[in-house]
Amino acid sequence: MSASKQVARTIAERVRERRDALGLSQDEVAQRLGPKASRVQVSHYECQRRTPTAAVVRALAVALRCSADWLLGLTTRVDNPEVSATKPVR
């Protein structure tokens, strides 16, 4: 498997895992991503139909209250020290 396909697979698995852990629907994640995001877009990331850009990975990390490094499979640490549990997500 190519490195880019492995990264896409890791992102897909972790977006779904984190969304489920937070008890969020795909619609709720899309709302947190912003006005141009949709449930279909989130679904495409989870099903590996699309690979998110760097900007979207960052937005997903904020929306899912985790680190971008974790979403990319670069660390096993889920939490994002820059996003506190009380900081509102847009």
N, C-alpha and C. Protein backbone atom coordinates (compact mmCIF):
# COMPACT_ATOMS: atom_id res chain seq x y z
N MET A 1 0.86 -1.18 0.00
CA MET A 1 0.00 0.00 0.00
C MET A 1 0.90 1.24 0.00
N SER A 2 0.57 2.21 -0.83
CA SER A 2 1.38 3.43 -0.91
C SER A 2 1.22 4.24 0.38
N ALA A 3 2.20 5.09 0.62
CA ALA A 3 2.18 5.92 1.83
C ALA A 3 0.95 6.83 1.86
N SER A 4 0.59 7.41 0.72
CA SER A 4 -0.57 8.31 0.70
C SER A 4 -1.87 7.56 0.98
N LYS A 5 -1.97 6.34 0.49
CA LYS A 5 -3.19 5.55 0.76
C LYS A 5 -3.23 5.14 2.23
N GLN A 6 -2.07 4.87 2.82
CA GLN A 6 -2.02 4.51 4.23
C GLN A 6 -2.44 5.70 5.10
N VAL A 7 -1.98 6.89 4.74
CA VAL A 7 -2.36 8.09 5.49
C VAL A 7 -3.87 8.32 5.37
N ALA A 8 -4.40 8.18 4.16
CA ALA A 8 -5.85 8.35 3.96
C ALA A 8 -6.63 7.34 4.79
N ARG A 9 -6.13 6.12 4.85
CA ARG A 9 -6.80 5.08 5.64
C ARG A 9 -6.77 5.42 7.12
N THR A 10 -5.60 5.88 7.59
CA THR A 10 -5.46 6.25 8.99
C THR A 10 -6.39 7.40 9.35
N ILE A 11 -6.42 8.43 8.50
CA ILE A 11 -7.31 9.57 8.75
C ILE A 11 -8.76 9.10 8.80
N ALA A 12 -9.15 8.28 7.85
CA ALA A 12 -10.52 7.78 7.79
C ALA A 12 -10.90 7.05 9.08
N GLU A 13 -10.03 6.15 9.51
CA GLU A 13 -10.31 5.37 10.72
C GLU A 13 -10.37 6.25 11.95
N ARG A 14 -9.45 7.21 12.04
CA ARG A 14 -9.38 8.04 13.24
C ARG A 14 -10.48 9.10 13.29
N VAL A 15 -10.88 9.62 12.16
CA VAL A 15 -12.00 10.57 12.17
C VAL A 15 -13.25 9.86 12.69
N ARG A 16 -13.50 8.68 12.18
CA ARG A 16 -14.67 7.90 12.61
C ARG A 16 -14.57 7.53 14.09
N GLU A 17 -13.39 7.06 14.48
CA GLU A 17 -13.18 6.66 15.88
C GLU A 17 -13.41 7.83 16.84
N ARG A 18 -12.85 8.97 16.51
CA ARG A 18 -12.97 10.14 17.39
C ARG A 18 -14.40 10.68 17.39
N ARG A 19 -15.01 10.72 16.22
CA ARG A 19 -16.40 11.20 16.13
C ARG A 19 -17.30 10.33 16.99
N ASP A 20 -17.12 9.02 16.89
CA ASP A 20 -17.91 8.10 17.70
C ASP A 20 -17.63 8.29 19.19
N ALA A 21 -16.36 8.48 19.54
CA ALA A 21 -16.00 8.65 20.95
C ALA A 21 -16.63 9.91 21.55
N LEU A 22 -16.78 10.94 20.72
CA LEU A 22 -17.40 12.18 21.19
C LEU A 22 -18.92 12.15 21.07
N GLY A 23 -19.46 11.09 20.46
CA GLY A 23 -20.90 10.98 20.30
C GLY A 23 -21.47 11.97 19.29
N LEU A 24 -20.68 12.29 18.26
CA LEU A 24 -21.10 13.26 17.26
C LEU A 24 -21.58 12.57 15.99
N SER A 25 -22.55 13.17 15.33
CA SER A 25 -22.97 12.70 14.02
C SER A 25 -22.07 13.34 12.96
N GLN A 26 -22.14 12.83 11.75
CA GLN A 26 -21.40 13.45 10.66
C GLN A 26 -21.89 14.88 10.43
N ASP A 27 -23.17 15.12 10.59
CA ASP A 27 -23.73 16.47 10.45
C ASP A 27 -23.12 17.42 11.48
N GLU A 28 -22.99 16.94 12.71
CA GLU A 28 -22.43 17.79 13.76
C GLU A 28 -20.97 18.13 13.49
N VAL A 29 -20.22 17.16 12.99
CA VAL A 29 -18.82 17.43 12.64
C VAL A 29 -18.77 18.45 11.51
N ALA A 30 -19.62 18.28 10.51
CA ALA A 30 -19.66 19.22 9.39
C ALA A 30 -19.97 20.63 9.87
N GLN A 31 -20.90 20.77 10.81
CA GLN A 31 -21.23 22.08 11.35
C GLN A 31 -20.03 22.70 12.03
N ARG A 32 -19.25 21.89 12.73
CA ARG A 32 -18.05 22.39 13.40
C ARG A 32 -16.96 22.78 12.40
N LEU A 33 -16.98 22.17 11.23
CA LEU A 33 -15.97 22.49 10.21
C LEU A 33 -16.25 23.83 9.55
N GLY A 34 -17.50 24.24 9.52
CA GLY A 34 -17.83 25.54 8.95
C GLY A 34 -18.96 25.47 7.96
N PRO A 35 -19.36 26.64 7.45
CA PRO A 35 -20.55 26.72 6.60
C PRO A 35 -20.42 26.02 5.25
N LYS A 36 -19.22 25.82 4.77
CA LYS A 36 -19.06 25.17 3.46
C LYS A 36 -18.94 23.66 3.56
N ALA A 37 -18.88 23.13 4.77
CA ALA A 37 -18.73 21.68 4.96
C ALA A 37 -20.10 21.01 4.97
N SER A 38 -20.10 19.71 4.65
CA SER A 38 -21.36 18.96 4.64
C SER A 38 -21.14 17.57 5.23
N ARG A 39 -22.26 16.93 5.57
CA ARG A 39 -22.21 15.57 6.07
C ARG A 39 -21.56 14.66 5.03
N VAL A 40 -21.86 14.88 3.77
CA VAL A 40 -21.30 14.07 2.69
C VAL A 40 -19.78 14.18 2.66
N GLN A 41 -19.28 15.38 2.86
CA GLN A 41 -17.83 15.60 2.89
C GLN A 41 -17.19 14.77 4.01
N VAL A 42 -17.77 14.83 5.19
CA VAL A 42 -17.25 14.06 6.33
C VAL A 42 -17.33 12.57 6.01
N SER A 43 -18.43 12.13 5.42
CA SER A 43 -18.59 10.74 5.03
C SER A 43 -17.50 10.32 4.04
N HIS A 44 -17.20 11.18 3.10
CA HIS A 44 -16.16 10.87 2.11
C HIS A 44 -14.80 10.71 2.76
N TYR A 45 -14.50 11.51 3.78
CA TYR A 45 -13.24 11.34 4.50
C TYR A 45 -13.22 10.02 5.25
N GLU A 46 -14.34 9.67 5.88
CA GLU A 46 -14.41 8.43 6.65
C GLU A 46 -14.36 7.18 5.76
N CYS A 47 -14.84 7.29 4.53
CA CYS A 47 -14.88 6.14 3.61
C CYS A 47 -13.71 6.13 2.63
N GLN A 48 -12.76 7.05 2.82
CA GLN A 48 -11.58 7.17 1.98
C GLN A 48 -11.90 7.53 0.53
N ARG A 49 -13.03 8.15 0.29
CA ARG A 49 -13.35 8.60 -1.07
C ARG A 49 -12.61 9.88 -1.40
N ARG A 50 -12.30 10.65 -0.34
CA ARG A 50 -11.54 11.88 -0.48
C ARG A 50 -10.51 11.94 0.64
N THR A 51 -9.38 12.55 0.34
CA THR A 51 -8.35 12.78 1.35
C THR A 51 -8.39 14.26 1.69
N PRO A 52 -8.51 14.60 2.97
CA PRO A 52 -8.59 16.01 3.34
C PRO A 52 -7.27 16.75 3.10
N THR A 53 -7.38 18.02 2.74
CA THR A 53 -6.21 18.87 2.60
C THR A 53 -5.62 19.13 3.99
N ALA A 54 -4.45 19.73 4.01
CA ALA A 54 -3.82 20.07 5.29
C ALA A 54 -4.72 21.00 6.11
N ALA A 55 -5.35 21.96 5.45
CA ALA A 55 -6.24 22.88 6.14
C ALA A 55 -7.44 22.15 6.74
N VAL A 56 -7.96 21.17 6.03
CA VAL A 56 -9.11 20.41 6.54
C VAL A 56 -8.67 19.50 7.68
N VAL A 57 -7.48 18.92 7.61
CA VAL A 57 -6.97 18.10 8.72
C VAL A 57 -6.89 18.95 9.98
N ARG A 58 -6.40 20.16 9.84
CA ARG A 58 -6.31 21.07 10.98
C ARG A 58 -7.71 21.37 11.53
N ALA A 59 -8.66 21.67 10.64
CA ALA A 59 -10.03 21.95 11.06
C ALA A 59 -10.67 20.73 11.72
N LEU A 60 -10.41 19.55 11.18
CA LEU A 60 -10.93 18.32 11.79
C LEU A 60 -10.36 18.13 13.19
N ALA A 61 -9.09 18.42 13.35
CA ALA A 61 -8.45 18.28 14.66
C ALA A 61 -9.12 19.20 15.68
N VAL A 62 -9.41 20.42 15.28
CA VAL A 62 -10.09 21.35 16.19
C VAL A 62 -11.51 20.88 16.46
N ALA A 63 -12.23 20.49 15.41
CA ALA A 63 -13.62 20.06 15.55
C ALA A 63 -13.74 18.81 16.41
N LEU A 64 -12.75 17.92 16.30
CA LEU A 64 -12.79 16.65 17.02
C LEU A 64 -11.97 16.68 18.32
N ARG A 65 -11.44 17.87 18.63
CA ARG A 65 -10.66 18.06 19.87
C ARG A 65 -9.56 17.01 20.01
N CYS A 66 -8.76 16.92 18.97
CA CYS A 66 -7.63 16.01 18.97
C CYS A 66 -6.48 16.67 18.23
N SER A 67 -5.34 16.03 18.19
CA SER A 67 -4.21 16.62 17.47
C SER A 67 -4.22 16.17 16.01
N ALA A 68 -3.74 17.05 15.15
CA ALA A 68 -3.61 16.71 13.74
C ALA A 68 -2.61 15.57 13.59
N ASP A 69 -1.58 15.55 14.42
CA ASP A 69 -0.60 14.46 14.37
C ASP A 69 -1.27 13.12 14.63
N TRP A 70 -2.23 13.10 15.56
CA TRP A 70 -2.94 11.84 15.84
C TRP A 70 -3.79 11.44 14.64
N LEU A 71 -4.48 12.41 14.04
CA LEU A 71 -5.30 12.09 12.86
C LEU A 71 -4.45 11.52 11.73
N LEU A 72 -3.23 12.01 11.61
CA LEU A 72 -2.32 11.56 10.54
C LEU A 72 -1.58 10.27 10.89
N GLY A 73 -1.75 9.80 12.12
CA GLY A 73 -1.08 8.57 12.53
C GLY A 73 0.36 8.77 12.95
N LEU A 74 0.72 10.00 13.30
CA LEU A 74 2.10 10.30 13.69
C LEU A 74 2.35 10.13 15.18
N THR A 75 1.28 9.99 15.95
CA THR A 75 1.39 9.81 17.39
C THR A 75 0.21 8.99 17.87
N THR A 76 0.37 8.39 19.03
CA THR A 76 -0.75 7.65 19.63
C THR A 76 -1.50 8.52 20.64
N ARG A 77 -0.99 9.73 20.87
CA ARG A 77 -1.62 10.66 21.82
C ARG A 77 -2.75 11.41 21.12
N VAL A 78 -3.96 11.22 21.59
CA VAL A 78 -5.15 11.80 20.97
C VAL A 78 -5.28 13.29 21.26
N ASP A 79 -5.02 13.68 22.48
CA ASP A 79 -5.35 15.05 22.89
C ASP A 79 -4.48 16.09 22.19
N ASN A 80 -5.08 17.26 22.06
CA ASN A 80 -4.41 18.41 21.46
C ASN A 80 -4.19 19.41 22.57
N PRO A 81 -2.95 19.63 22.99
CA PRO A 81 -2.72 20.54 24.12
C PRO A 81 -3.15 21.98 23.84
N GLU A 82 -3.31 22.34 22.57
CA GLU A 82 -3.72 23.70 22.22
C GLU A 82 -5.23 23.88 22.23
N VAL A 83 -5.99 22.80 22.35
CA VAL A 83 -7.45 22.88 22.38
C VAL A 83 -7.91 22.37 23.73
N SER A 84 -8.31 23.28 24.59
CA SER A 84 -8.75 22.86 25.92
C SER A 84 -10.17 22.33 25.85
N ALA A 85 -10.54 21.60 26.87
CA ALA A 85 -11.88 21.01 26.92
C ALA A 85 -12.96 22.08 27.03
N THR A 86 -12.59 23.27 27.49
CA THR A 86 -13.59 24.31 27.65
C THR A 86 -13.60 25.30 26.50
N LYS A 87 -12.63 25.25 25.63
CA LYS A 87 -12.58 26.18 24.51
C LYS A 87 -13.66 25.83 23.50
N PRO A 88 -14.51 26.77 23.16
CA PRO A 88 -15.57 26.47 22.19
C PRO A 88 -15.02 26.23 20.79
N VAL A 89 -15.67 25.36 20.08
CA VAL A 89 -15.32 25.09 18.69
C VAL A 89 -16.29 25.89 17.85
N ARG A 90 -15.78 26.52 16.81
CA ARG A 90 -16.65 27.36 15.98
C ARG A 90 -17.70 26.57 15.27
